[in-house]
Full PDB file with SEQRES, HELIX, SHEET, SSBOND, CRYST1, ORIGX, SCALE, CONECT and MASTER records, all heavy atoms in Angstrom:
SEQRES   1 A   43  PHE HIS THR ILE GLU PRO SER MET HIS PHE VAL THR PRO          
SEQRES   2 A   43  GLU ARG ILE ARG GLU TYR ASP ILE GLY ILE GLY ASP ASP          
SEQRES   3 A   43  THR MET MET LEU GLY ARG LEU ILE ASP ARG ASP GLY VAL          
SEQRES   4 A   43  GLN ARG ASN VAL                                              
HELIX    1 AA1 PRO A    6  HIS A    9  1                                   4    
HELIX    2 AA2 PRO A   13  GLU A   18  1                                   6    
CRYST1    1.000    1.000    1.000  90.00  90.00  90.00 P 1           1          
ORIGX1      1.000000  0.000000  0.000000        0.00000                         
ORIGX2      0.000000  1.000000  0.000000        0.00000                         
ORIGX3      0.000000  0.000000  1.000000        0.00000                         
SCALE1      1.000000  0.000000  0.000000        0.00000                         
SCALE2      0.000000  1.000000  0.000000        0.00000                         
SCALE3      0.000000  0.000000  1.000000        0.00000                         
ATOM      1  N   PHE A   1     -20.202  32.687 165.424  1.00  0.00           N  
ATOM      2  CA  PHE A   1     -18.730  32.868 165.438  1.00  0.00           C  
ATOM      3  C   PHE A   1     -18.021  31.572 165.546  1.00  0.00           C  
ATOM      4  O   PHE A   1     -18.544  30.550 165.917  1.00  0.00           O  
ATOM      5  CB  PHE A   1     -18.326  33.815 166.563  1.00  0.00           C  
ATOM      6  CG  PHE A   1     -18.349  33.114 167.902  1.00  0.00           C  
ATOM      7  CD1 PHE A   1     -17.209  32.550 168.461  1.00  0.00           C  
ATOM      8  CD2 PHE A   1     -19.533  33.001 168.669  1.00  0.00           C  
ATOM      9  CE1 PHE A   1     -17.216  31.950 169.675  1.00  0.00           C  
ATOM     10  CE2 PHE A   1     -19.558  32.412 169.869  1.00  0.00           C  
ATOM     11  CZ  PHE A   1     -18.399  31.823 170.404  1.00  0.00           C  
ATOM     12  N   HIS A   2     -16.757  31.640 165.189  1.00  0.00           N  
ATOM     13  CA  HIS A   2     -15.788  30.516 165.374  1.00  0.00           C  
ATOM     14  C   HIS A   2     -14.516  31.183 165.867  1.00  0.00           C  
ATOM     15  O   HIS A   2     -14.275  32.354 165.735  1.00  0.00           O  
ATOM     16  CB  HIS A   2     -15.575  29.668 164.108  1.00  0.00           C  
ATOM     17  CG  HIS A   2     -16.628  28.708 163.865  1.00  0.00           C  
ATOM     18  ND1 HIS A   2     -17.773  29.075 163.151  1.00  0.00           N  
ATOM     19  CD2 HIS A   2     -16.778  27.394 164.132  1.00  0.00           C  
ATOM     20  CE1 HIS A   2     -18.572  28.041 163.044  1.00  0.00           C  
ATOM     21  NE2 HIS A   2     -17.967  26.997 163.644  1.00  0.00           N  
ATOM     22  N   THR A   3     -13.640  30.343 166.459  1.00  0.00           N  
ATOM     23  CA  THR A   3     -12.362  30.890 167.006  1.00  0.00           C  
ATOM     24  C   THR A   3     -11.182  30.183 166.329  1.00  0.00           C  
ATOM     25  O   THR A   3     -11.298  29.022 165.856  1.00  0.00           O  
ATOM     26  CB  THR A   3     -12.223  30.642 168.515  1.00  0.00           C  
ATOM     27  OG1 THR A   3     -12.277  29.277 168.802  1.00  0.00           O  
ATOM     28  CG2 THR A   3     -13.365  31.398 169.234  1.00  0.00           C  
ATOM     29  N   ILE A   4     -10.057  30.889 166.243  1.00  0.00           N  
ATOM     30  CA  ILE A   4      -8.817  30.314 165.803  1.00  0.00           C  
ATOM     31  C   ILE A   4      -8.132  29.733 167.033  1.00  0.00           C  
ATOM     32  O   ILE A   4      -7.747  30.434 167.923  1.00  0.00           O  
ATOM     33  CB  ILE A   4      -7.903  31.375 165.133  1.00  0.00           C  
ATOM     34  CG1 ILE A   4      -8.655  32.022 163.954  1.00  0.00           C  
ATOM     35  CG2 ILE A   4      -6.610  30.710 164.675  1.00  0.00           C  
ATOM     36  CD1 ILE A   4      -7.864  33.128 163.272  1.00  0.00           C  
ATOM     37  N   GLU A   5      -7.987  28.383 167.082  1.00  0.00           N  
ATOM     38  CA  GLU A   5      -7.453  27.729 168.256  1.00  0.00           C  
ATOM     39  C   GLU A   5      -5.956  27.702 168.227  1.00  0.00           C  
ATOM     40  O   GLU A   5      -5.343  27.163 167.265  1.00  0.00           O  
ATOM     41  CB  GLU A   5      -7.999  26.286 168.353  1.00  0.00           C  
ATOM     42  CG  GLU A   5      -9.506  26.197 168.400  1.00  0.00           C  
ATOM     43  CD  GLU A   5     -10.059  26.770 169.708  1.00  0.00           C  
ATOM     44  OE1 GLU A   5      -9.300  26.857 170.680  1.00  0.00           O  
ATOM     45  OE2 GLU A   5     -11.260  27.151 169.701  1.00  0.00           O  
ATOM     46  N   PRO A   6      -5.230  28.209 169.218  1.00  0.00           N  
ATOM     47  CA  PRO A   6      -3.776  28.236 169.218  1.00  0.00           C  
ATOM     48  C   PRO A   6      -3.164  26.843 169.048  1.00  0.00           C  
ATOM     49  O   PRO A   6      -2.219  26.663 168.252  1.00  0.00           O  
ATOM     50  CB  PRO A   6      -3.447  28.843 170.570  1.00  0.00           C  
ATOM     51  CG  PRO A   6      -4.614  29.696 170.909  1.00  0.00           C  
ATOM     52  CD  PRO A   6      -5.844  28.955 170.362  1.00  0.00           C  
ATOM     53  N   SER A   7      -3.630  25.871 169.782  1.00  0.00           N  
ATOM     54  CA  SER A   7      -3.031  24.568 169.766  1.00  0.00           C  
ATOM     55  C   SER A   7      -3.207  23.846 168.416  1.00  0.00           C  
ATOM     56  O   SER A   7      -2.359  23.025 168.044  1.00  0.00           O  
ATOM     57  CB  SER A   7      -3.612  23.674 170.890  1.00  0.00           C  
ATOM     58  OG  SER A   7      -4.985  23.522 170.706  1.00  0.00           O  
ATOM     59  N   MET A   8      -4.275  24.178 167.698  1.00  0.00           N  
ATOM     60  CA  MET A   8      -4.544  23.494 166.457  1.00  0.00           C  
ATOM     61  C   MET A   8      -4.117  24.294 165.209  1.00  0.00           C  
ATOM     62  O   MET A   8      -3.650  23.674 164.240  1.00  0.00           O  
ATOM     63  CB  MET A   8      -6.056  23.240 166.367  1.00  0.00           C  
ATOM     64  CG  MET A   8      -6.611  22.285 167.431  1.00  0.00           C  
ATOM     65  SD  MET A   8      -8.411  22.170 167.319  1.00  0.00           S  
ATOM     66  CE  MET A   8      -8.662  21.621 165.636  1.00  0.00           C  
ATOM     67  N   HIS A   9      -4.268  25.622 165.233  1.00  0.00           N  
ATOM     68  CA  HIS A   9      -4.141  26.340 164.001  1.00  0.00           C  
ATOM     69  C   HIS A   9      -2.950  27.320 163.916  1.00  0.00           C  
ATOM     70  O   HIS A   9      -2.585  27.686 162.790  1.00  0.00           O  
ATOM     71  CB  HIS A   9      -5.406  27.232 163.836  1.00  0.00           C  
ATOM     72  CG  HIS A   9      -6.683  26.500 163.845  1.00  0.00           C  
ATOM     73  ND1 HIS A   9      -7.754  26.761 164.653  1.00  0.00           N  
ATOM     74  CD2 HIS A   9      -7.060  25.367 163.206  1.00  0.00           C  
ATOM     75  CE1 HIS A   9      -8.751  25.909 164.425  1.00  0.00           C  
ATOM     76  NE2 HIS A   9      -8.359  25.008 163.584  1.00  0.00           N  
ATOM     77  N   PHE A  10      -2.326  27.653 165.002  1.00  0.00           N  
ATOM     78  CA  PHE A  10      -1.227  28.661 164.972  1.00  0.00           C  
ATOM     79  C   PHE A  10       0.005  28.057 164.260  1.00  0.00           C  
ATOM     80  O   PHE A  10       0.438  26.948 164.550  1.00  0.00           O  
ATOM     81  CB  PHE A  10      -0.829  29.060 166.363  1.00  0.00           C  
ATOM     82  CG  PHE A  10      -1.708  30.142 166.931  1.00  0.00           C  
ATOM     83  CD1 PHE A  10      -3.043  30.246 166.533  1.00  0.00           C  
ATOM     84  CD2 PHE A  10      -1.223  31.045 167.892  1.00  0.00           C  
ATOM     85  CE1 PHE A  10      -3.870  31.205 167.092  1.00  0.00           C  
ATOM     86  CE2 PHE A  10      -2.052  31.987 168.406  1.00  0.00           C  
ATOM     87  CZ  PHE A  10      -3.371  32.062 168.045  1.00  0.00           C  
ATOM     88  N   VAL A  11       0.576  28.790 163.314  1.00  0.00           N  
ATOM     89  CA  VAL A  11       1.860  28.467 162.686  1.00  0.00           C  
ATOM     90  C   VAL A  11       2.955  28.834 163.638  1.00  0.00           C  
ATOM     91  O   VAL A  11       3.188  30.067 163.891  1.00  0.00           O  
ATOM     92  CB  VAL A  11       2.066  29.116 161.324  1.00  0.00           C  
ATOM     93  CG1 VAL A  11       3.469  28.836 160.799  1.00  0.00           C  
ATOM     94  CG2 VAL A  11       1.017  28.580 160.317  1.00  0.00           C  
ATOM     95  N   THR A  12       3.716  27.915 164.163  1.00  0.00           N  
ATOM     96  CA  THR A  12       4.797  28.144 165.099  1.00  0.00           C  
ATOM     97  C   THR A  12       6.084  27.836 164.360  1.00  0.00           C  
ATOM     98  O   THR A  12       6.139  27.214 163.270  1.00  0.00           O  
ATOM     99  CB  THR A  12       4.668  27.231 166.326  1.00  0.00           C  
ATOM    100  OG1 THR A  12       4.741  25.820 165.871  1.00  0.00           O  
ATOM    101  CG2 THR A  12       3.370  27.458 167.041  1.00  0.00           C  
ATOM    102  N   PRO A  13       7.236  28.253 164.929  1.00  0.00           N  
ATOM    103  CA  PRO A  13       8.518  27.869 164.296  1.00  0.00           C  
ATOM    104  C   PRO A  13       8.682  26.393 164.092  1.00  0.00           C  
ATOM    105  O   PRO A  13       9.256  25.959 163.085  1.00  0.00           O  
ATOM    106  CB  PRO A  13       9.537  28.447 165.320  1.00  0.00           C  
ATOM    107  CG  PRO A  13       8.858  29.598 165.920  1.00  0.00           C  
ATOM    108  CD  PRO A  13       7.414  29.164 166.059  1.00  0.00           C  
ATOM    109  N   GLU A  14       8.170  25.618 165.063  1.00  0.00           N  
ATOM    110  CA  GLU A  14       8.234  24.107 164.902  1.00  0.00           C  
ATOM    111  C   GLU A  14       7.388  23.650 163.698  1.00  0.00           C  
ATOM    112  O   GLU A  14       7.827  22.764 162.940  1.00  0.00           O  
ATOM    113  CB  GLU A  14       7.775  23.472 166.221  1.00  0.00           C  
ATOM    114  CG  GLU A  14       8.688  23.682 167.420  1.00  0.00           C  
ATOM    115  CD  GLU A  14       8.490  25.110 167.997  1.00  0.00           C  
ATOM    116  OE1 GLU A  14       7.365  25.728 167.754  1.00  0.00           O  
ATOM    117  OE2 GLU A  14       9.387  25.562 168.658  1.00  0.00           O  
ATOM    118  N   ARG A  15       6.197  24.210 163.572  1.00  0.00           N  
ATOM    119  CA  ARG A  15       5.380  23.791 162.462  1.00  0.00           C  
ATOM    120  C   ARG A  15       5.895  24.284 161.097  1.00  0.00           C  
ATOM    121  O   ARG A  15       5.642  23.683 160.052  1.00  0.00           O  
ATOM    122  CB  ARG A  15       3.926  24.301 162.729  1.00  0.00           C  
ATOM    123  CG  ARG A  15       3.196  23.486 163.759  1.00  0.00           C  
ATOM    124  CD  ARG A  15       1.886  24.042 164.152  1.00  0.00           C  
ATOM    125  NE  ARG A  15       1.175  23.150 165.016  1.00  0.00           N  
ATOM    126  CZ  ARG A  15       0.070  23.498 165.704  1.00  0.00           C  
ATOM    127  NH1 ARG A  15      -0.412  24.712 165.623  1.00  0.00           N  
ATOM    128  NH2 ARG A  15      -0.519  22.590 166.500  1.00  0.00           N  
ATOM    129  N   ILE A  16       6.573  25.420 161.102  1.00  0.00           N  
ATOM    130  CA  ILE A  16       7.212  25.870 159.860  1.00  0.00           C  
ATOM    131  C   ILE A  16       8.164  24.860 159.353  1.00  0.00           C  
ATOM    132  O   ILE A  16       8.223  24.521 158.153  1.00  0.00           O  
ATOM    133  CB  ILE A  16       7.940  27.234 160.083  1.00  0.00           C  
ATOM    134  CG1 ILE A  16       6.927  28.374 160.300  1.00  0.00           C  
ATOM    135  CG2 ILE A  16       8.878  27.521 158.928  1.00  0.00           C  
ATOM    136  CD1 ILE A  16       7.539  29.655 160.660  1.00  0.00           C  
ATOM    137  N   ARG A  17       8.999  24.234 160.279  1.00  0.00           N  
ATOM    138  CA  ARG A  17       9.944  23.214 159.881  1.00  0.00           C  
ATOM    139  C   ARG A  17       9.218  21.919 159.545  1.00  0.00           C  
ATOM    140  O   ARG A  17       9.560  21.229 158.579  1.00  0.00           O  
ATOM    141  CB  ARG A  17      10.917  22.971 160.980  1.00  0.00           C  
ATOM    142  CG  ARG A  17      11.871  24.211 161.259  1.00  0.00           C  
ATOM    143  CD  ARG A  17      12.970  23.823 162.190  1.00  0.00           C  
ATOM    144  NE  ARG A  17      12.440  23.575 163.538  1.00  0.00           N  
ATOM    145  CZ  ARG A  17      12.302  24.475 164.505  1.00  0.00           C  
ATOM    146  NH1 ARG A  17      12.669  25.799 164.219  1.00  0.00           N  
ATOM    147  NH2 ARG A  17      11.874  24.204 165.707  1.00  0.00           N  
ATOM    148  N   GLU A  18       8.225  21.547 160.332  1.00  0.00           N  
ATOM    149  CA  GLU A  18       7.482  20.288 160.109  1.00  0.00           C  
ATOM    150  C   GLU A  18       6.781  20.223 158.807  1.00  0.00           C  
ATOM    151  O   GLU A  18       6.783  19.204 158.113  1.00  0.00           O  
ATOM    152  CB  GLU A  18       6.515  20.046 161.267  1.00  0.00           C  
ATOM    153  CG  GLU A  18       5.809  18.718 161.222  1.00  0.00           C  
ATOM    154  CD  GLU A  18       4.836  18.512 162.321  1.00  0.00           C  
ATOM    155  OE1 GLU A  18       4.751  19.423 163.267  1.00  0.00           O  
ATOM    156  OE2 GLU A  18       4.174  17.461 162.397  1.00  0.00           O  
ATOM    157  N   TYR A  19       6.112  21.340 158.424  1.00  0.00           N  
ATOM    158  CA  TYR A  19       5.330  21.345 157.189  1.00  0.00           C  
ATOM    159  C   TYR A  19       6.015  22.064 156.017  1.00  0.00           C  
ATOM    160  O   TYR A  19       5.339  22.284 155.013  1.00  0.00           O  
ATOM    161  CB  TYR A  19       3.952  21.982 157.490  1.00  0.00           C  
ATOM    162  CG  TYR A  19       3.194  21.322 158.648  1.00  0.00           C  
ATOM    163  CD1 TYR A  19       2.573  22.096 159.599  1.00  0.00           C  
ATOM    164  CD2 TYR A  19       3.068  19.946 158.705  1.00  0.00           C  
ATOM    165  CE1 TYR A  19       1.875  21.493 160.647  1.00  0.00           C  
ATOM    166  CE2 TYR A  19       2.412  19.352 159.744  1.00  0.00           C  
ATOM    167  CZ  TYR A  19       1.831  20.154 160.690  1.00  0.00           C  
ATOM    168  OH  TYR A  19       1.132  19.537 161.733  1.00  0.00           O  
ATOM    169  N   ASP A  20       7.257  22.384 156.191  1.00  0.00           N  
ATOM    170  CA  ASP A  20       8.054  23.072 155.146  1.00  0.00           C  
ATOM    171  C   ASP A  20       7.376  24.318 154.632  1.00  0.00           C  
ATOM    172  O   ASP A  20       7.294  24.555 153.406  1.00  0.00           O  
ATOM    173  CB  ASP A  20       8.254  22.087 153.975  1.00  0.00           C  
ATOM    174  CG  ASP A  20       9.012  20.809 154.403  1.00  0.00           C  
ATOM    175  OD1 ASP A  20       9.869  20.935 155.272  1.00  0.00           O  
ATOM    176  OD2 ASP A  20       8.716  19.756 153.879  1.00  0.00           O  
ATOM    177  N   ILE A  21       6.906  25.139 155.540  1.00  0.00           N  
ATOM    178  CA  ILE A  21       6.217  26.379 155.133  1.00  0.00           C  
ATOM    179  C   ILE A  21       7.250  27.412 154.744  1.00  0.00           C  
ATOM    180  O   ILE A  21       8.276  27.600 155.448  1.00  0.00           O  
ATOM    181  CB  ILE A  21       5.367  26.945 156.321  1.00  0.00           C  
ATOM    182  CG1 ILE A  21       4.258  25.928 156.690  1.00  0.00           C  
ATOM    183  CG2 ILE A  21       4.724  28.314 155.950  1.00  0.00           C  
ATOM    184  CD1 ILE A  21       3.502  26.269 157.958  1.00  0.00           C  
ATOM    185  N   GLY A  22       7.053  28.024 153.593  1.00  0.00           N  
ATOM    186  CA  GLY A  22       8.047  28.985 153.095  1.00  0.00           C  
ATOM    187  C   GLY A  22       7.611  29.864 151.953  1.00  0.00           C  
ATOM    188  O   GLY A  22       6.413  29.914 151.614  1.00  0.00           O  
ATOM    189  N   ILE A  23       8.572  30.476 151.326  1.00  0.00           N  
ATOM    190  CA  ILE A  23       8.307  31.383 150.233  1.00  0.00           C  
ATOM    191  C   ILE A  23       7.538  30.675 149.084  1.00  0.00           C  
ATOM    192  O   ILE A  23       7.904  29.564 148.723  1.00  0.00           O  
ATOM    193  CB  ILE A  23       9.629  31.963 149.706  1.00  0.00           C  
ATOM    194  CG1 ILE A  23      10.245  32.853 150.758  1.00  0.00           C  
ATOM    195  CG2 ILE A  23       9.402  32.755 148.397  1.00  0.00           C  
ATOM    196  CD1 ILE A  23      11.602  33.356 150.409  1.00  0.00           C  
ATOM    197  N   GLY A  24       6.512  31.348 148.589  1.00  0.00           N  
ATOM    198  CA  GLY A  24       5.725  30.800 147.476  1.00  0.00           C  
ATOM    199  C   GLY A  24       4.458  30.077 147.920  1.00  0.00           C  
ATOM    200  O   GLY A  24       3.596  29.766 147.098  1.00  0.00           O  
ATOM    201  N   ASP A  25       4.301  29.738 149.212  1.00  0.00           N  
ATOM    202  CA  ASP A  25       3.105  29.135 149.680  1.00  0.00           C  
ATOM    203  C   ASP A  25       1.931  29.998 149.592  1.00  0.00           C  
ATOM    204  O   ASP A  25       1.996  31.214 149.876  1.00  0.00           O  
ATOM    205  CB  ASP A  25       3.282  28.621 151.111  1.00  0.00           C  
ATOM    206  CG  ASP A  25       4.107  27.386 151.255  1.00  0.00           C  
ATOM    207  OD1 ASP A  25       4.158  26.665 150.273  1.00  0.00           O  
ATOM    208  OD2 ASP A  25       4.614  27.079 152.304  1.00  0.00           O  
ATOM    209  N   ASP A  26       0.767  29.468 149.187  1.00  0.00           N  
ATOM    210  CA  ASP A  26      -0.461  30.245 148.990  1.00  0.00           C  
ATOM    211  C   ASP A  26      -0.999  30.740 150.350  1.00  0.00           C  
ATOM    212  O   ASP A  26      -0.961  30.020 151.368  1.00  0.00           O  
ATOM    213  CB  ASP A  26      -1.532  29.399 148.295  1.00  0.00           C  
ATOM    214  CG  ASP A  26      -1.174  29.062 146.845  1.00  0.00           C  
ATOM    215  OD1 ASP A  26      -0.538  29.892 146.232  1.00  0.00           O  
ATOM    216  OD2 ASP A  26      -1.492  27.953 146.445  1.00  0.00           O  
ATOM    217  N   THR A  27      -1.565  31.952 150.304  1.00  0.00           N  
ATOM    218  CA  THR A  27      -2.114  32.531 151.485  1.00  0.00           C  
ATOM    219  C   THR A  27      -3.543  33.075 151.227  1.00  0.00           C  
ATOM    220  O   THR A  27      -3.930  33.221 150.072  1.00  0.00           O  
ATOM    221  CB  THR A  27      -1.319  33.687 152.062  1.00  0.00           C  
ATOM    222  OG1 THR A  27      -1.244  34.749 151.004  1.00  0.00           O  
ATOM    223  CG2 THR A  27       0.141  33.286 152.356  1.00  0.00           C  
ATOM    224  N   MET A  28      -4.284  33.290 152.304  1.00  0.00           N  
ATOM    225  CA  MET A  28      -5.620  33.829 152.205  1.00  0.00           C  
ATOM    226  C   MET A  28      -5.847  34.789 153.325  1.00  0.00           C  
ATOM    227  O   MET A  28      -5.656  34.430 154.498  1.00  0.00           O  
ATOM    228  CB  MET A  28      -6.609  32.685 152.240  1.00  0.00           C  
ATOM    229  CG  MET A  28      -8.077  33.069 152.065  1.00  0.00           C  
ATOM    230  SD  MET A  28      -9.172  31.656 151.987  1.00  0.00           S  
ATOM    231  CE  MET A  28      -9.082  31.095 153.672  1.00  0.00           C  
ATOM    232  N   MET A  29      -6.265  36.018 153.063  1.00  0.00           N  
ATOM    233  CA  MET A  29      -6.495  37.048 154.045  1.00  0.00           C  
ATOM    234  C   MET A  29      -8.028  37.361 154.111  1.00  0.00           C  
ATOM    235  O   MET A  29      -8.650  37.579 153.045  1.00  0.00           O  
ATOM    236  CB  MET A  29      -5.740  38.321 153.744  1.00  0.00           C  
ATOM    237  CG  MET A  29      -5.977  39.425 154.725  1.00  0.00           C  
ATOM    238  SD  MET A  29      -4.828  40.847 154.540  1.00  0.00           S  
ATOM    239  CE  MET A  29      -5.347  41.490 152.938  1.00  0.00           C  
ATOM    240  N   LEU A  30      -8.557  37.382 155.320  1.00  0.00           N  
ATOM    241  CA  LEU A  30      -9.971  37.655 155.526  1.00  0.00           C  
ATOM    242  C   LEU A  30     -10.111  38.957 156.299  1.00  0.00           C  
ATOM    243  O   LEU A  30      -9.630  39.092 157.414  1.00  0.00           O  
ATOM    244  CB  LEU A  30     -10.687  36.547 156.276  1.00  0.00           C  
ATOM    245  CG  LEU A  30     -10.846  35.190 155.580  1.00  0.00           C  
ATOM    246  CD1 LEU A  30      -9.559  34.424 155.540  1.00  0.00           C  
ATOM    247  CD2 LEU A  30     -11.931  34.387 156.269  1.00  0.00           C  
ATOM    248  N   GLY A  31     -10.780  39.953 155.741  1.00  0.00           N  
ATOM    249  CA  GLY A  31     -10.942  41.213 156.400  1.00  0.00           C  
ATOM    250  C   GLY A  31     -12.031  42.054 155.855  1.00  0.00           C  
ATOM    251  O   GLY A  31     -12.974  41.582 155.219  1.00  0.00           O  
ATOM    252  N   ARG A  32     -11.875  43.336 156.013  1.00  0.00           N  
ATOM    253  CA  ARG A  32     -12.941  44.308 155.794  1.00  0.00           C  
ATOM    254  C   ARG A  32     -12.614  45.182 154.611  1.00  0.00           C  
ATOM    255  O   ARG A  32     -11.701  46.032 154.653  1.00  0.00           O  
ATOM    256  CB  ARG A  32     -13.035  45.129 157.036  1.00  0.00           C  
ATOM    257  CG  ARG A  32     -14.186  46.121 157.070  1.00  0.00           C  
ATOM    258  CD  ARG A  32     -14.134  46.775 158.415  1.00  0.00           C  
ATOM    259  NE  ARG A  32     -15.244  47.607 158.677  1.00  0.00           N  
ATOM    260  CZ  ARG A  32     -15.413  48.178 159.894  1.00  0.00           C  
ATOM    261  NH1 ARG A  32     -14.546  47.947 160.843  1.00  0.00           N  
ATOM    262  NH2 ARG A  32     -16.440  48.935 160.100  1.00  0.00           N  
ATOM    263  N   LEU A  33     -13.371  45.003 153.526  1.00  0.00           N  
ATOM    264  CA  LEU A  33     -13.246  45.857 152.359  1.00  0.00           C  
ATOM    265  C   LEU A  33     -14.203  47.073 152.557  1.00  0.00           C  
ATOM    266  O   LEU A  33     -15.393  46.901 152.489  1.00  0.00           O  
ATOM    267  CB  LEU A  33     -13.547  45.077 151.085  1.00  0.00           C  
ATOM    268  CG  LEU A  33     -13.456  45.855 149.773  1.00  0.00           C  
ATOM    269  CD1 LEU A  33     -12.039  46.319 149.542  1.00  0.00           C  
ATOM    270  CD2 LEU A  33     -13.880  44.965 148.556  1.00  0.00           C  
ATOM    271  N   ILE A  34     -13.617  48.209 152.675  1.00  0.00           N  
ATOM    272  CA  ILE A  34     -14.443  49.432 152.908  1.00  0.00           C  
ATOM    273  C   ILE A  34     -15.438  49.615 151.754  1.00  0.00           C  
ATOM    274  O   ILE A  34     -15.081  49.417 150.593  1.00  0.00           O  
ATOM    275  CB  ILE A  34     -13.518  50.674 153.044  1.00  0.00           C  
ATOM    276  CG1 ILE A  34     -12.508  50.448 154.166  1.00  0.00           C  
ATOM    277  CG2 ILE A  34     -14.337  51.962 153.317  1.00  0.00           C  
ATOM    278  CD1 ILE A  34     -13.115  50.201 155.508  1.00  0.00           C  
ATOM    279  N   ASP A  35     -16.629  50.061 152.094  1.00  0.00           N  
ATOM    280  CA  ASP A  35     -17.744  50.279 151.126  1.00  0.00           C  
ATOM    281  C   ASP A  35     -18.380  48.993 150.712  1.00  0.00           C  
ATOM    282  O   ASP A  35     -19.394  48.989 149.997  1.00  0.00           O  
ATOM    283  CB  ASP A  35     -17.257  51.086 149.902  1.00  0.00           C  
ATOM    284  CG  ASP A  35     -16.862  52.479 150.323  1.00  0.00           C  
ATOM    285  OD1 ASP A  35     -17.351  53.013 151.259  1.00  0.00           O  
ATOM    286  OD2 ASP A  35     -15.928  52.976 149.628  1.00  0.00           O  
ATOM    287  N   ARG A  36     -17.780  47.806 151.046  1.00  0.00           N  
ATOM    288  CA  ARG A  36     -18.476  46.509 150.799  1.00  0.00           C  
ATOM    289  C   ARG A  36     -18.349  45.662 152.017  1.00  0.00           C  
ATOM    290  O   ARG A  36     -18.102  44.457 151.931  1.00  0.00           O  
ATOM    291  CB  ARG A  36     -17.803  45.854 149.576  1.00  0.00           C  
ATOM    292  CG  ARG A  36     -18.009  46.517 148.234  1.00  0.00           C  
ATOM    293  CD  ARG A  36     -19.447  46.451 147.803  1.00  0.00           C  
ATOM    294  NE  ARG A  36     -19.889  45.065 147.608  1.00  0.00           N  
ATOM    295  CZ  ARG A  36     -21.097  44.729 147.365  1.00  0.00           C  
ATOM    296  NH1 ARG A  36     -22.107  45.581 147.265  1.00  0.00           N  
ATOM    297  NH2 ARG A  36     -21.460  43.409 147.179  1.00  0.00           N  
ATOM    298  N   ASP A  37     -18.472  46.271 153.201  1.00  0.00           N  
ATOM    299  CA  ASP A  37     -18.205  45.525 154.438  1.00  0.00           C  
ATOM    300  C   ASP A  37     -19.487  45.016 155.075  1.00  0.00           C  
ATOM    301  O   ASP A  37     -19.440  44.373 156.145  1.00  0.00           O  
ATOM    302  CB  ASP A  37     -17.456  46.391 155.428  1.00  0.00           C  
ATOM    303  CG  ASP A  37     -18.165  47.658 155.829  1.00  0.00           C  
ATOM    304  OD1 ASP A  37     -19.231  47.928 155.234  1.00  0.00           O  
ATOM    305  OD2 ASP A  37     -17.723  48.358 156.729  1.00  0.00           O  
ATOM    306  N   GLY A  38     -20.632  45.290 154.481  1.00  0.00           N  
ATOM    307  CA  GLY A  38     -21.882  44.725 154.978  1.00  0.00           C  
ATOM    308  C   GLY A  38     -22.736  45.730 155.719  1.00  0.00           C  
ATOM    309  O   GLY A  38     -23.964  45.536 155.870  1.00  0.00           O  
ATOM    310  N   VAL A  39     -22.227  46.899 156.213  1.00  0.00           N  
ATOM    311  CA  VAL A  39     -22.925  47.933 156.879  1.00  0.00           C  
ATOM    312  C   VAL A  39     -23.609  47.425 158.135  1.00  0.00           C  
ATOM    313  O   VAL A  39     -23.154  47.596 159.264  1.00  0.00           O  
ATOM    314  CB  VAL A  39     -23.904  48.715 155.957  1.00  0.00           C  
ATOM    315  CG1 VAL A  39     -24.538  49.887 156.716  1.00  0.00           C  
ATOM    316  CG2 VAL A  39     -23.165  49.184 154.704  1.00  0.00           C  
ATOM    317  N   GLN A  40     -24.781  46.790 157.971  1.00  0.00           N  
ATOM    318  CA  GLN A  40     -25.582  46.322 159.106  1.00  0.00           C  
ATOM    319  C   GLN A  40     -25.168  44.925 159.553  1.00  0.00           C  
ATOM    320  O   GLN A  40     -25.703  44.379 160.540  1.00  0.00           O  
ATOM    321  CB  GLN A  40     -27.058  46.351 158.742  1.00  0.00           C  
ATOM    322  CG  GLN A  40     -27.602  47.710 158.434  1.00  0.00           C  
ATOM    323  CD  GLN A  40     -27.485  48.667 159.583  1.00  0.00           C  
ATOM    324  OE1 GLN A  40     -27.621  48.281 160.748  1.00  0.00           O  
ATOM    325  NE2 GLN A  40     -27.193  49.942 159.299  1.00  0.00           N  
ATOM    326  N   ARG A  41     -24.214  44.314 158.885  1.00  0.00           N  
ATOM    327  CA  ARG A  41     -23.761  42.980 159.250  1.00  0.00           C  
ATOM    328  C   ARG A  41     -22.327  42.804 158.752  1.00  0.00           C  
ATOM    329  O   ARG A  41     -21.955  43.339 157.729  1.00  0.00           O  
ATOM    330  CB  ARG A  41     -24.675  41.942 158.655  1.00  0.00           C  
ATOM    331  CG  ARG A  41     -24.414  40.521 159.160  1.00  0.00           C  
ATOM    332  CD  ARG A  41     -25.482  39.582 158.692  1.00  0.00           C  
ATOM    333  NE  ARG A  41     -25.243  38.196 159.076  1.00  0.00           N  
ATOM    334  CZ  ARG A  41     -25.448  37.666 160.294  1.00  0.00           C  
ATOM    335  NH1 ARG A  41     -25.873  38.462 161.230  1.00  0.00           N  
ATOM    336  NH2 ARG A  41     -25.188  36.444 160.543  1.00  0.00           N  
ATOM    337  N   ASN A  42     -21.502  42.090 159.536  1.00  0.00           N  
ATOM    338  CA  ASN A  42     -20.134  41.878 159.131  1.00  0.00           C  
ATOM    339  C   ASN A  42     -20.090  40.922 157.935  1.00  0.00           C  
ATOM    340  O   ASN A  42     -20.517  39.777 158.032  1.00  0.00           O  
ATOM    341  CB  ASN A  42     -19.302  41.260 160.256  1.00  0.00           C  
ATOM    342  CG  ASN A  42     -19.301  42.143 161.516  1.00  0.00           C  
ATOM    343  OD1 ASN A  42     -19.696  43.290 161.478  1.00  0.00           O  
ATOM    344  ND2 ASN A  42     -18.767  41.620 162.589  1.00  0.00           N  
ATOM    345  N   VAL A  43     -19.564  41.387 156.799  1.00  0.00           N  
ATOM    346  CA  VAL A  43     -19.446  40.596 155.607  1.00  0.00           C  
ATOM    347  C   VAL A  43     -17.942  40.628 155.154  1.00  0.00           C  
ATOM    348  O   VAL A  43     -17.575  41.518 154.373  1.00  0.00           O  
ATOM    349  CB  VAL A  43     -20.363  41.072 154.488  1.00  0.00           C  
ATOM    350  CG1 VAL A  43     -20.213  40.168 153.255  1.00  0.00           C  
ATOM    351  CG2 VAL A  43     -21.768  41.120 154.993  1.00  0.00           C  
TER     352      VAL A  43                                                      
MASTER        0    0    0    2    0    0    0    6  351    1    0    4          
END                                                                             
């Protein structure tokens, strides 16, 4: 496992302004696709 560290990775209102995060920025979602989730292992 790995963890998402609040101090390093969280997008805060301050970081939104600092890095100009806004509409149109690329995103990536990681989760569980039913029927292709790995069954005996998290995939």
